[in-house]
Amino acid sequence: MTEQKRAPLPHDFHPEVPSFTVVSDQLAAGAALKDDQVHAAGNTSPHLRWEGFPPGAKSFAVTCFDPDAPTGSGFWHWVLFDIPASVTELPAGAGSGSFEGLPAGAVHARNDYGSKDFGGAAPPAGENHRYVFTVYAVDTEKLGPDADASPAAVGFHLRFHTLGRAQLIGEYEAPSVG
């Protein structure tokens, strides 16, 4: 495996906001992603549950970002917003496949694969990447962008409407070739 320089995390340059808690039945902090959360083996979004968010949250957003992708700008694997404030849990697969369990009104923006869903981990062979799952407590019911927005446009709106943020970071190392 080649030594890689670790990129900053996605919110290192955003304004500080209160943190809250996000947990998963399928992913522990710092642990490896499950096989079905890998691009070539299922693209199944993980279960996520959050609590302790700031009062005044009118909706939530969920993203998954790989800061270690060899692009110079990271890689957005999942961009979901306008999740109703009454929803504090997404079942596994809510962001993929038939979208079972996706809350009514939630909007998927396109990810960096170009699809409007969760796209699993796919680092280059022999590289270990971090996958930052973030839940945002948002101060408005509708964030503003539509499903055709880029991850950067959604991130711009989130920067100005986030009341609090919770992160869960998993990792995945692609097998070396040969």
N, C-alpha and C. Protein backbone atom coordinates (compact mmCIF):
# COMPACT_ATOMS: atom_id res chain seq x y z
N MET A 1 0.84 -1.17 0.00
CA MET A 1 0.00 0.00 0.00
C MET A 1 0.88 1.24 0.00
N THR A 2 0.54 2.22 -0.79
CA THR A 2 1.28 3.47 -0.83
C THR A 2 0.82 4.37 0.31
N GLU A 3 1.73 5.15 0.82
CA GLU A 3 1.41 6.10 1.88
C GLU A 3 0.62 7.25 1.28
N GLN A 4 -0.51 7.58 1.87
CA GLN A 4 -1.34 8.67 1.36
C GLN A 4 -1.40 9.80 2.37
N LYS A 5 -1.43 10.98 1.84
CA LYS A 5 -1.63 12.16 2.67
C LYS A 5 -3.12 12.29 2.93
N ARG A 6 -3.50 12.51 4.18
CA ARG A 6 -4.91 12.63 4.54
C ARG A 6 -5.40 14.05 4.30
N ALA A 7 -6.48 14.17 3.57
CA ALA A 7 -7.09 15.46 3.28
C ALA A 7 -7.88 15.95 4.49
N PRO A 8 -8.14 17.25 4.55
CA PRO A 8 -8.99 17.76 5.64
C PRO A 8 -10.39 17.16 5.54
N LEU A 9 -11.09 17.15 6.65
CA LEU A 9 -12.47 16.69 6.65
C LEU A 9 -13.37 17.76 6.04
N PRO A 10 -14.54 17.38 5.56
CA PRO A 10 -15.35 18.31 4.77
C PRO A 10 -15.81 19.56 5.51
N HIS A 11 -15.86 19.55 6.83
CA HIS A 11 -16.38 20.71 7.54
C HIS A 11 -15.30 21.51 8.24
N ASP A 12 -14.06 21.19 7.96
CA ASP A 12 -12.96 21.92 8.59
C ASP A 12 -12.96 23.41 8.24
N PHE A 13 -13.61 23.77 7.14
CA PHE A 13 -13.59 25.16 6.69
C PHE A 13 -14.97 25.82 6.81
N HIS A 14 -15.90 25.14 7.47
CA HIS A 14 -17.24 25.70 7.66
C HIS A 14 -17.34 26.36 9.02
N PRO A 15 -18.31 27.23 9.19
CA PRO A 15 -18.51 27.82 10.52
C PRO A 15 -18.78 26.74 11.56
N GLU A 16 -18.33 26.98 12.77
CA GLU A 16 -18.60 26.03 13.85
C GLU A 16 -20.07 26.09 14.22
N VAL A 17 -20.64 24.92 14.43
CA VAL A 17 -22.02 24.79 14.90
C VAL A 17 -22.03 23.70 15.96
N PRO A 18 -23.08 23.66 16.77
CA PRO A 18 -23.15 22.60 17.78
C PRO A 18 -23.15 21.22 17.12
N SER A 19 -22.59 20.27 17.83
CA SER A 19 -22.62 18.90 17.32
C SER A 19 -23.73 18.13 18.02
N PHE A 20 -24.15 17.06 17.40
CA PHE A 20 -25.09 16.14 18.02
C PHE A 20 -24.66 14.73 17.66
N THR A 21 -25.46 13.74 17.90
CA THR A 21 -25.05 12.35 17.78
C THR A 21 -25.70 11.66 16.60
N VAL A 22 -24.90 10.93 15.83
CA VAL A 22 -25.42 10.04 14.79
C VAL A 22 -24.78 8.68 15.02
N VAL A 23 -25.59 7.63 14.94
CA VAL A 23 -25.12 6.25 15.09
C VAL A 23 -25.72 5.41 13.98
N SER A 24 -25.18 4.20 13.84
CA SER A 24 -25.65 3.30 12.81
C SER A 24 -25.63 1.87 13.33
N ASP A 25 -26.61 1.08 12.90
CA ASP A 25 -26.60 -0.34 13.21
C ASP A 25 -25.59 -1.09 12.34
N GLN A 26 -25.13 -0.46 11.25
CA GLN A 26 -24.21 -1.13 10.33
C GLN A 26 -22.80 -0.57 10.32
N LEU A 27 -22.58 0.54 10.97
CA LEU A 27 -21.28 1.19 10.87
C LEU A 27 -20.89 1.78 12.22
N ALA A 28 -19.70 1.42 12.67
CA ALA A 28 -19.15 2.00 13.90
C ALA A 28 -18.08 3.01 13.51
N ALA A 29 -17.93 4.05 14.30
CA ALA A 29 -16.92 5.08 14.02
C ALA A 29 -15.55 4.45 13.84
N GLY A 30 -14.91 4.78 12.73
CA GLY A 30 -13.57 4.29 12.43
C GLY A 30 -13.51 2.89 11.88
N ALA A 31 -14.63 2.20 11.84
CA ALA A 31 -14.66 0.81 11.36
C ALA A 31 -14.81 0.78 9.84
N ALA A 32 -14.55 -0.40 9.30
CA ALA A 32 -14.68 -0.59 7.85
C ALA A 32 -16.14 -0.63 7.44
N LEU A 33 -16.42 -0.06 6.27
CA LEU A 33 -17.76 -0.16 5.70
C LEU A 33 -18.07 -1.61 5.41
N LYS A 34 -19.34 -1.95 5.45
CA LYS A 34 -19.79 -3.31 5.11
C LYS A 34 -19.69 -3.51 3.60
N ASP A 35 -19.58 -4.75 3.18
CA ASP A 35 -19.44 -5.06 1.76
C ASP A 35 -20.54 -4.46 0.91
N ASP A 36 -21.79 -4.45 1.41
CA ASP A 36 -22.88 -3.92 0.58
C ASP A 36 -22.87 -2.40 0.47
N GLN A 37 -21.97 -1.74 1.21
CA GLN A 37 -21.82 -0.28 1.11
C GLN A 37 -20.71 0.10 0.14
N VAL A 38 -20.22 -0.88 -0.60
CA VAL A 38 -19.16 -0.68 -1.59
C VAL A 38 -19.82 -0.60 -2.96
N HIS A 39 -19.29 0.26 -3.81
CA HIS A 39 -19.89 0.52 -5.11
C HIS A 39 -20.06 -0.74 -5.95
N ALA A 40 -19.06 -1.60 -5.99
CA ALA A 40 -19.12 -2.79 -6.84
C ALA A 40 -19.92 -3.93 -6.21
N ALA A 41 -20.37 -3.75 -4.97
CA ALA A 41 -20.99 -4.88 -4.27
C ALA A 41 -22.35 -4.57 -3.66
N GLY A 42 -23.01 -3.53 -4.11
CA GLY A 42 -24.35 -3.33 -3.58
C GLY A 42 -24.84 -1.91 -3.49
N ASN A 43 -23.97 -0.95 -3.20
CA ASN A 43 -24.41 0.45 -3.09
C ASN A 43 -25.55 0.65 -2.10
N THR A 44 -25.54 -0.06 -1.01
CA THR A 44 -26.62 0.08 -0.03
C THR A 44 -26.26 1.13 1.00
N SER A 45 -27.08 2.17 1.10
CA SER A 45 -26.83 3.20 2.11
C SER A 45 -27.00 2.59 3.50
N PRO A 46 -26.17 3.01 4.45
CA PRO A 46 -26.27 2.43 5.80
C PRO A 46 -27.44 3.00 6.59
N HIS A 47 -27.85 2.26 7.59
CA HIS A 47 -28.80 2.75 8.58
C HIS A 47 -28.15 3.92 9.32
N LEU A 48 -28.90 4.97 9.58
CA LEU A 48 -28.44 6.11 10.38
C LEU A 48 -29.55 6.54 11.32
N ARG A 49 -29.19 6.90 12.55
CA ARG A 49 -30.14 7.41 13.54
C ARG A 49 -29.46 8.57 14.27
N TRP A 50 -30.18 9.65 14.50
CA TRP A 50 -29.57 10.81 15.13
C TRP A 50 -30.45 11.35 16.24
N GLU A 51 -29.78 12.01 17.20
CA GLU A 51 -30.46 12.59 18.36
C GLU A 51 -29.61 13.71 18.95
N GLY A 52 -30.25 14.51 19.79
CA GLY A 52 -29.55 15.58 20.49
C GLY A 52 -29.28 16.80 19.62
N PHE A 53 -29.99 16.92 18.51
CA PHE A 53 -29.80 18.05 17.60
C PHE A 53 -30.39 19.33 18.22
N PRO A 54 -29.94 20.49 17.77
CA PRO A 54 -30.41 21.75 18.33
C PRO A 54 -31.92 21.95 18.12
N PRO A 55 -32.56 22.59 19.08
CA PRO A 55 -33.97 22.93 18.89
C PRO A 55 -34.09 23.88 17.70
N GLY A 56 -35.21 23.85 17.07
CA GLY A 56 -35.42 24.74 15.91
C GLY A 56 -35.13 24.07 14.59
N ALA A 57 -34.68 22.81 14.61
CA ALA A 57 -34.44 22.10 13.35
C ALA A 57 -35.78 21.90 12.64
N LYS A 58 -35.84 22.32 11.39
CA LYS A 58 -37.07 22.19 10.61
C LYS A 58 -36.95 21.11 9.53
N SER A 59 -35.73 20.65 9.32
CA SER A 59 -35.48 19.53 8.40
C SER A 59 -34.06 19.04 8.66
N PHE A 60 -33.71 17.96 7.95
CA PHE A 60 -32.36 17.40 8.04
C PHE A 60 -31.83 17.15 6.63
N ALA A 61 -30.52 17.06 6.56
CA ALA A 61 -29.84 16.65 5.33
C ALA A 61 -28.81 15.60 5.72
N VAL A 62 -28.51 14.70 4.80
CA VAL A 62 -27.51 13.66 5.02
C VAL A 62 -26.58 13.64 3.82
N THR A 63 -25.29 13.60 4.08
CA THR A 63 -24.31 13.48 3.00
C THR A 63 -23.28 12.41 3.36
N CYS A 64 -22.61 11.92 2.33
CA CYS A 64 -21.44 11.05 2.50
C CYS A 64 -20.37 11.58 1.56
N PHE A 65 -19.20 11.87 2.12
CA PHE A 65 -18.11 12.50 1.38
C PHE A 65 -16.82 11.74 1.63
N ASP A 66 -16.06 11.52 0.57
CA ASP A 66 -14.72 10.91 0.66
C ASP A 66 -13.69 12.01 0.46
N PRO A 67 -13.07 12.50 1.55
CA PRO A 67 -12.08 13.57 1.40
C PRO A 67 -10.76 13.07 0.82
N ASP A 68 -10.56 11.74 0.78
CA ASP A 68 -9.29 11.17 0.33
C ASP A 68 -9.28 10.79 -1.15
N ALA A 69 -10.37 11.03 -1.85
CA ALA A 69 -10.44 10.68 -3.27
C ALA A 69 -9.37 11.44 -4.04
N PRO A 70 -8.77 10.80 -5.03
CA PRO A 70 -7.67 11.43 -5.77
C PRO A 70 -8.17 12.39 -6.87
N THR A 71 -8.99 13.36 -6.44
CA THR A 71 -9.58 14.31 -7.39
C THR A 71 -9.11 15.74 -7.19
N GLY A 72 -8.56 16.02 -6.02
CA GLY A 72 -8.23 17.40 -5.67
C GLY A 72 -9.40 18.10 -4.99
N SER A 73 -10.59 17.49 -5.06
CA SER A 73 -11.77 18.10 -4.44
C SER A 73 -12.63 17.09 -3.71
N GLY A 74 -12.11 15.90 -3.44
CA GLY A 74 -12.90 14.88 -2.76
C GLY A 74 -13.94 14.27 -3.69
N PHE A 75 -14.86 13.49 -3.11
CA PHE A 75 -15.88 12.82 -3.91
C PHE A 75 -17.14 12.69 -3.08
N TRP A 76 -18.25 13.20 -3.61
CA TRP A 76 -19.55 13.13 -2.93
C TRP A 76 -20.24 11.83 -3.31
N HIS A 77 -20.52 11.00 -2.31
CA HIS A 77 -21.18 9.72 -2.52
C HIS A 77 -22.69 9.78 -2.27
N TRP A 78 -23.12 10.77 -1.51
CA TRP A 78 -24.55 10.86 -1.17
C TRP A 78 -24.89 12.28 -0.78
N VAL A 79 -25.98 12.80 -1.33
CA VAL A 79 -26.47 14.14 -1.00
C VAL A 79 -28.00 14.06 -0.93
N LEU A 80 -28.53 14.10 0.28
CA LEU A 80 -29.96 13.96 0.53
C LEU A 80 -30.38 15.11 1.44
N PHE A 81 -31.44 15.81 1.08
CA PHE A 81 -31.88 16.95 1.90
C PHE A 81 -33.40 17.04 1.92
N ASP A 82 -33.92 18.00 2.66
CA ASP A 82 -35.36 18.19 2.88
C ASP A 82 -36.00 16.97 3.56
N ILE A 83 -35.24 16.32 4.43
CA ILE A 83 -35.78 15.24 5.26
C ILE A 83 -36.63 15.91 6.34
N PRO A 84 -37.90 15.54 6.46
CA PRO A 84 -38.76 16.20 7.45
C PRO A 84 -38.19 16.13 8.87
N ALA A 85 -38.45 17.16 9.65
CA ALA A 85 -37.92 17.25 11.02
C ALA A 85 -38.43 16.12 11.91
N SER A 86 -39.54 15.50 11.55
CA SER A 86 -40.08 14.40 12.34
C SER A 86 -39.31 13.10 12.13
N VAL A 87 -38.43 13.07 11.14
CA VAL A 87 -37.66 11.86 10.81
C VAL A 87 -36.28 11.97 11.45
N THR A 88 -35.94 11.00 12.29
CA THR A 88 -34.62 11.00 12.94
C THR A 88 -33.90 9.67 12.72
N GLU A 89 -34.32 8.94 11.69
CA GLU A 89 -33.69 7.66 11.39
C GLU A 89 -33.97 7.29 9.94
N LEU A 90 -32.93 6.78 9.28
CA LEU A 90 -33.07 6.24 7.93
C LEU A 90 -32.68 4.77 7.97
N PRO A 91 -33.53 3.89 7.47
CA PRO A 91 -33.15 2.47 7.45
C PRO A 91 -32.09 2.21 6.40
N ALA A 92 -31.39 1.11 6.53
CA ALA A 92 -30.43 0.71 5.49
C ALA A 92 -31.16 0.63 4.16
N GLY A 93 -30.55 1.16 3.12
CA GLY A 93 -31.14 1.12 1.79
C GLY A 93 -32.07 2.27 1.46
N ALA A 94 -32.33 3.18 2.40
CA ALA A 94 -33.23 4.31 2.12
C ALA A 94 -32.70 5.18 0.99
N GLY A 95 -31.39 5.20 0.81
CA GLY A 95 -30.78 6.04 -0.22
C GLY A 95 -30.40 5.29 -1.46
N SER A 96 -30.85 4.05 -1.60
CA SER A 96 -30.41 3.24 -2.73
C SER A 96 -31.47 2.23 -3.14
N GLY A 97 -31.27 1.61 -4.27
CA GLY A 97 -32.18 0.57 -4.76
C GLY A 97 -33.58 1.10 -4.96
N SER A 98 -34.55 0.51 -4.26
CA SER A 98 -35.95 0.94 -4.38
C SER A 98 -36.28 2.10 -3.43
N PHE A 99 -35.28 2.58 -2.69
CA PHE A 99 -35.43 3.70 -1.75
C PHE A 99 -36.43 3.39 -0.64
N GLU A 100 -36.53 2.12 -0.26
CA GLU A 100 -37.45 1.74 0.79
C GLU A 100 -37.08 2.44 2.09
N GLY A 101 -38.04 3.13 2.67
CA GLY A 101 -37.80 3.87 3.91
C GLY A 101 -37.38 5.31 3.69
N LEU A 102 -37.25 5.74 2.44
CA LEU A 102 -36.91 7.15 2.18
C LEU A 102 -38.13 8.00 2.54
N PRO A 103 -37.97 9.00 3.40
CA PRO A 103 -39.12 9.81 3.81
C PRO A 103 -39.73 10.60 2.64
N ALA A 104 -41.03 10.72 2.65
CA ALA A 104 -41.72 11.54 1.64
C ALA A 104 -41.19 12.96 1.71
N GLY A 105 -40.93 13.54 0.56
CA GLY A 105 -40.44 14.92 0.49
C GLY A 105 -38.93 15.06 0.48
N ALA A 106 -38.20 14.02 0.88
CA ALA A 106 -36.74 14.08 0.86
C ALA A 106 -36.25 14.13 -0.58
N VAL A 107 -35.19 14.88 -0.82
CA VAL A 107 -34.68 15.09 -2.17
C VAL A 107 -33.24 14.58 -2.27
N HIS A 108 -33.01 13.74 -3.27
CA HIS A 108 -31.64 13.31 -3.60
C HIS A 108 -31.10 14.24 -4.67
N ALA A 109 -29.98 14.89 -4.40
CA ALA A 109 -29.25 15.60 -5.44
C ALA A 109 -28.28 14.59 -6.06
N ARG A 110 -27.75 14.92 -7.19
CA ARG A 110 -26.82 13.98 -7.84
C ARG A 110 -25.51 13.92 -7.06
N ASN A 111 -24.97 12.72 -7.01
CA ASN A 111 -23.67 12.54 -6.38
C ASN A 111 -22.59 12.66 -7.45
N ASP A 112 -21.35 12.43 -7.10
CA ASP A 112 -20.27 12.56 -8.08
C ASP A 112 -20.19 11.40 -9.06
N TYR A 113 -21.00 10.36 -8.85
CA TYR A 113 -21.15 9.32 -9.88
C TYR A 113 -22.11 9.81 -10.96
N GLY A 114 -22.87 10.87 -10.64
CA GLY A 114 -23.85 11.40 -11.57
C GLY A 114 -25.24 10.85 -11.36
N SER A 115 -25.45 10.05 -10.31
CA SER A 115 -26.76 9.48 -10.03
C SER A 115 -27.37 10.15 -8.80
N LYS A 116 -28.67 10.02 -8.65
CA LYS A 116 -29.39 10.63 -7.53
C LYS A 116 -29.73 9.56 -6.51
N ASP A 117 -28.69 9.09 -5.80
CA ASP A 117 -28.82 8.04 -4.80
C ASP A 117 -27.51 7.94 -4.03
N PHE A 118 -27.40 6.91 -3.19
CA PHE A 118 -26.14 6.63 -2.50
C PHE A 118 -25.26 5.82 -3.44
N GLY A 119 -24.04 6.27 -3.64
CA GLY A 119 -23.05 5.52 -4.41
C GLY A 119 -21.96 5.05 -3.46
N GLY A 120 -21.75 3.77 -3.40
CA GLY A 120 -20.83 3.19 -2.42
C GLY A 120 -19.37 3.51 -2.63
N ALA A 121 -18.57 3.06 -1.68
CA ALA A 121 -17.13 3.29 -1.66
C ALA A 121 -16.46 2.64 -2.88
N ALA A 122 -15.46 3.32 -3.41
CA ALA A 122 -14.72 2.79 -4.56
C ALA A 122 -13.34 3.43 -4.66
N PRO A 123 -12.52 3.33 -3.62
CA PRO A 123 -11.18 3.93 -3.72
C PRO A 123 -10.31 3.14 -4.69
N PRO A 124 -9.24 3.77 -5.18
CA PRO A 124 -8.30 3.03 -6.03
C PRO A 124 -7.70 1.83 -5.27
N ALA A 125 -7.31 0.83 -6.01
CA ALA A 125 -6.74 -0.40 -5.43
C ALA A 125 -5.61 -0.06 -4.46
N GLY A 126 -5.66 -0.67 -3.28
CA GLY A 126 -4.61 -0.50 -2.28
C GLY A 126 -4.74 0.74 -1.43
N GLU A 127 -5.74 1.57 -1.66
CA GLU A 127 -5.89 2.80 -0.87
C GLU A 127 -7.01 2.63 0.15
N ASN A 128 -6.78 3.21 1.33
CA ASN A 128 -7.78 3.24 2.39
C ASN A 128 -8.34 4.66 2.46
N HIS A 129 -9.65 4.79 2.27
CA HIS A 129 -10.29 6.10 2.29
C HIS A 129 -11.29 6.20 3.43
N ARG A 130 -11.51 7.44 3.87
CA ARG A 130 -12.51 7.73 4.88
C ARG A 130 -13.82 8.13 4.18
N TYR A 131 -14.93 7.72 4.78
CA TYR A 131 -16.25 8.06 4.26
C TYR A 131 -16.99 8.76 5.39
N VAL A 132 -17.19 10.07 5.21
CA VAL A 132 -17.74 10.93 6.25
C VAL A 132 -19.25 11.06 6.03
N PHE A 133 -20.01 10.37 6.87
CA PHE A 133 -21.47 10.49 6.85
C PHE A 133 -21.83 11.63 7.79
N THR A 134 -22.52 12.63 7.26
CA THR A 134 -22.87 13.80 8.05
C THR A 134 -24.38 14.00 8.02
N VAL A 135 -24.94 14.25 9.20
CA VAL A 135 -26.34 14.65 9.31
C VAL A 135 -26.34 16.11 9.73
N TYR A 136 -27.09 16.92 9.02
CA TYR A 136 -27.21 18.34 9.29
C TYR A 136 -28.60 18.63 9.84
N ALA A 137 -28.69 19.38 10.93
CA ALA A 137 -29.95 19.94 11.39
C ALA A 137 -30.09 21.29 10.68
N VAL A 138 -31.19 21.47 9.97
CA VAL A 138 -31.37 22.61 9.09
C VAL A 138 -32.48 23.53 9.61
N ASP A 139 -32.30 24.84 9.45
CA ASP A 139 -33.24 25.82 10.01
C ASP A 139 -34.44 26.13 9.12
N THR A 140 -34.61 25.40 8.03
CA THR A 140 -35.72 25.62 7.12
C THR A 140 -36.26 24.28 6.63
N GLU A 141 -37.57 24.22 6.34
CA GLU A 141 -38.15 22.96 5.86
C GLU A 141 -37.64 22.59 4.48
N LYS A 142 -37.47 23.58 3.62
CA LYS A 142 -36.98 23.36 2.25
C LYS A 142 -35.68 24.12 2.09
N LEU A 143 -34.62 23.40 1.76
CA LEU A 143 -33.29 24.01 1.67
C LEU A 143 -33.18 24.98 0.50
N GLY A 144 -33.85 24.70 -0.61
CA GLY A 144 -33.80 25.62 -1.75
C GLY A 144 -33.43 24.96 -3.05
N PRO A 145 -32.33 24.20 -3.11
CA PRO A 145 -31.98 23.57 -4.38
C PRO A 145 -32.97 22.46 -4.76
N ASP A 146 -32.89 22.02 -6.01
CA ASP A 146 -33.71 20.89 -6.42
C ASP A 146 -32.81 19.69 -6.69
N ALA A 147 -33.38 18.61 -7.19
CA ALA A 147 -32.65 17.36 -7.39
C ALA A 147 -31.55 17.46 -8.44
N ASP A 148 -31.57 18.48 -9.26
CA ASP A 148 -30.53 18.65 -10.27
C ASP A 148 -29.33 19.45 -9.77
N ALA A 149 -29.37 19.87 -8.51
CA ALA A 149 -28.27 20.65 -7.94
C ALA A 149 -27.01 19.80 -7.80
N SER A 150 -25.88 20.45 -7.90
CA SER A 150 -24.60 19.78 -7.64
C SER A 150 -24.40 19.67 -6.14
N PRO A 151 -23.53 18.75 -5.71
CA PRO A 151 -23.21 18.69 -4.28
C PRO A 151 -22.67 20.03 -3.75
N ALA A 152 -21.91 20.74 -4.57
CA ALA A 152 -21.37 22.04 -4.12
C ALA A 152 -22.50 23.04 -3.88
N ALA A 153 -23.51 23.06 -4.74
CA ALA A 153 -24.63 23.98 -4.55
C ALA A 153 -25.41 23.64 -3.30
N VAL A 154 -25.64 22.36 -3.06
CA VAL A 154 -26.32 21.96 -1.83
C VAL A 154 -25.47 22.35 -0.62
N GLY A 155 -24.16 22.09 -0.70
CA GLY A 155 -23.26 22.47 0.39
C GLY A 155 -23.27 23.96 0.67
N PHE A 156 -23.38 24.77 -0.36
CA PHE A 156 -23.46 26.23 -0.20
C PHE A 156 -24.68 26.59 0.65
N HIS A 157 -25.82 26.03 0.32
CA HIS A 157 -27.04 26.30 1.08
C HIS A 157 -26.92 25.77 2.51
N LEU A 158 -26.34 24.58 2.67
CA LEU A 158 -26.18 24.02 4.01
C LEU A 158 -25.28 24.90 4.87
N ARG A 159 -24.27 25.50 4.28
CA ARG A 159 -23.36 26.35 5.04
C ARG A 159 -24.12 27.46 5.78
N PHE A 160 -25.18 27.98 5.15
CA PHE A 160 -25.90 29.12 5.72
C PHE A 160 -27.17 28.72 6.48
N HIS A 161 -27.53 27.45 6.45
CA HIS A 161 -28.78 27.02 7.10
C HIS A 161 -28.58 25.91 8.13
N THR A 162 -27.33 25.57 8.45
CA THR A 162 -27.07 24.48 9.40
C THR A 162 -27.07 24.99 10.83
N LEU A 163 -27.92 24.36 11.65
CA LEU A 163 -27.97 24.67 13.08
C LEU A 163 -27.02 23.78 13.88
N GLY A 164 -26.77 22.58 13.38
CA GLY A 164 -25.91 21.62 14.06
C GLY A 164 -25.53 20.52 13.09
N ARG A 165 -24.47 19.78 13.45
CA ARG A 165 -23.94 18.74 12.56
C ARG A 165 -23.49 17.54 13.38
N ALA A 166 -23.73 16.35 12.82
CA ALA A 166 -23.25 15.11 13.43
C ALA A 166 -22.51 14.32 12.37
N GLN A 167 -21.40 13.71 12.73
CA GLN A 167 -20.60 12.96 11.77
C GLN A 167 -20.31 11.56 12.27
N LEU A 168 -20.28 10.63 11.33
CA LEU A 168 -19.87 9.25 11.57
C LEU A 168 -18.94 8.89 10.43
N ILE A 169 -17.71 8.53 10.76
CA ILE A 169 -16.70 8.28 9.74
C ILE A 169 -16.34 6.80 9.70
N GLY A 170 -16.56 6.19 8.56
CA GLY A 170 -16.14 4.82 8.32
C GLY A 170 -14.99 4.81 7.32
N GLU A 171 -14.41 3.65 7.13
CA GLU A 171 -13.29 3.54 6.19
C GLU A 171 -13.48 2.34 5.28
N TYR A 172 -12.80 2.39 4.16
CA TYR A 172 -12.80 1.23 3.27
C TYR A 172 -11.48 1.21 2.52
N GLU A 173 -10.84 0.04 2.50
CA GLU A 173 -9.60 -0.13 1.75
C GLU A 173 -9.86 -1.11 0.61
N ALA A 174 -9.62 -0.63 -0.60
CA ALA A 174 -9.79 -1.49 -1.77
C ALA A 174 -8.64 -2.46 -1.83
N PRO A 175 -8.92 -3.71 -2.14
CA PRO A 175 -7.83 -4.70 -2.24
C PRO A 175 -6.79 -4.28 -3.27
N SER A 176 -5.54 -4.59 -2.99
CA SER A 176 -4.46 -4.31 -3.94
C SER A 176 -4.59 -5.22 -5.14
N VAL A 177 -4.19 -4.74 -6.28
CA VAL A 177 -4.21 -5.53 -7.50
C VAL A 177 -2.90 -6.31 -7.59
N GLY A 178 -3.01 -7.59 -7.92
CA GLY A 178 -1.81 -8.44 -8.11
C GLY A 178 -1.20 -8.80 -6.86
